[in-house]
Amino acid sequence: MNLPLRAAGAAGAQQVRPPRPPQSVADTGLELGFLIDLLVKTIYRMGLERPSAVAAAMKLPAGVIQSLIEEAQARKLMETLGQ
């Protein structure tokens, strides 16, 4: 359930906006190695096969997940099967 966020203690409370979703790996503020490790663990432990499912599980945009997958492939941590 999504409720509007309000500033605490304000009589005419202002609307507080959530942060924008990251558009790149750098925007997450997390180290690339940490995110790749988390990606590989998420795929393995949850048995995920599609980038969209990984994006949903990791709560990151598909573009960021695709960048992480490409980097993991370059590091030979995973390979793509099929299309």
Protein backbone atom coordinates (compact mmCIF):
# COMPACT_ATOMS: atom_id res chain seq x y z
CA MET A 1 0.00 0.00 0.00
CA ASN A 2 1.47 3.35 -1.05
CA LEU A 3 0.77 6.24 1.27
CA PRO A 4 1.90 9.79 0.60
CA LEU A 5 4.92 10.78 2.65
CA ARG A 6 4.59 13.86 4.81
CA ALA A 7 7.21 15.97 6.54
CA ALA A 8 7.10 15.33 10.29
CA GLY A 9 5.76 18.07 12.53
CA ALA A 10 4.60 20.46 9.83
CA ALA A 11 1.10 21.89 10.16
CA GLY A 12 0.72 22.41 6.41
CA ALA A 13 2.79 19.30 5.71
CA GLN A 14 4.69 19.37 2.45
CA GLN A 15 4.75 16.39 0.14
CA VAL A 16 8.08 14.53 0.37
CA ARG A 17 9.11 12.83 -2.84
CA PRO A 18 10.95 9.50 -2.86
CA PRO A 19 14.34 9.45 -4.57
CA ARG A 20 14.51 8.76 -8.30
CA PRO A 21 15.39 5.21 -9.33
CA PRO A 22 19.04 4.79 -10.34
CA GLN A 23 19.67 5.05 -14.08
CA SER A 24 23.16 3.54 -13.95
CA VAL A 25 25.28 1.34 -11.71
CA ALA A 26 27.08 4.46 -10.45
CA ASP A 27 23.73 6.03 -9.46
CA THR A 28 23.14 3.23 -6.94
CA GLY A 29 26.03 4.45 -4.80
CA LEU A 30 27.17 0.85 -4.34
CA GLU A 31 30.39 -0.78 -5.50
CA LEU A 32 30.27 -2.66 -8.80
CA GLY A 33 31.76 -5.81 -7.24
CA PHE A 34 29.12 -5.84 -4.51
CA LEU A 35 26.29 -5.50 -7.04
CA ILE A 36 27.69 -8.26 -9.27
CA ASP A 37 28.03 -10.54 -6.25
CA LEU A 38 24.45 -9.79 -5.27
CA LEU A 39 23.29 -10.37 -8.86
CA VAL A 40 24.94 -13.79 -9.09
CA LYS A 41 23.62 -14.84 -5.67
CA THR A 42 20.11 -13.67 -6.52
CA ILE A 43 20.06 -15.55 -9.83
CA TYR A 44 21.46 -18.73 -8.26
CA ARG A 45 19.40 -18.83 -5.07
CA MET A 46 16.09 -17.81 -6.65
CA GLY A 47 16.58 -19.76 -9.88
CA LEU A 48 15.83 -16.73 -12.03
CA GLU A 49 16.31 -16.90 -15.79
CA ARG A 50 15.11 -13.57 -17.17
CA PRO A 51 16.62 -10.12 -16.56
CA SER A 52 13.14 -8.74 -15.83
CA ALA A 53 12.71 -11.26 -12.99
CA VAL A 54 16.14 -10.36 -11.62
CA ALA A 55 15.25 -6.65 -11.81
CA ALA A 56 12.04 -7.28 -9.86
CA ALA A 57 13.85 -9.37 -7.23
CA MET A 58 16.69 -6.84 -6.78
CA LYS A 59 14.37 -3.82 -7.00
CA LEU A 60 16.54 -2.17 -9.65
CA PRO A 61 15.63 -0.91 -13.13
CA ALA A 62 16.15 -3.34 -16.02
CA GLY A 63 18.84 -1.12 -17.57
CA VAL A 64 20.98 -1.34 -14.43
CA ILE A 65 20.50 -5.12 -14.29
CA GLN A 66 21.49 -5.44 -17.95
CA SER A 67 24.70 -3.50 -17.26
CA LEU A 68 25.47 -5.79 -14.33
CA ILE A 69 24.83 -8.90 -16.42
CA GLU A 70 27.13 -7.64 -19.17
CA GLU A 71 29.89 -6.95 -16.64
CA ALA A 72 29.42 -10.38 -15.02
CA GLN A 73 29.71 -11.99 -18.46
CA ALA A 74 32.89 -10.02 -19.18
CA ARG A 75 34.33 -11.31 -15.90
CA LYS A 76 33.33 -14.87 -16.91
CA LEU A 77 31.01 -15.23 -13.89
CA MET A 78 28.04 -16.18 -16.06
CA GLU A 79 27.10 -16.88 -19.64
CA THR A 80 23.91 -16.45 -21.57
CA LEU A 81 22.15 -19.54 -22.89
CA GLY A 82 19.59 -19.21 -25.67
CA GLN A 83 18.39 -15.80 -26.75
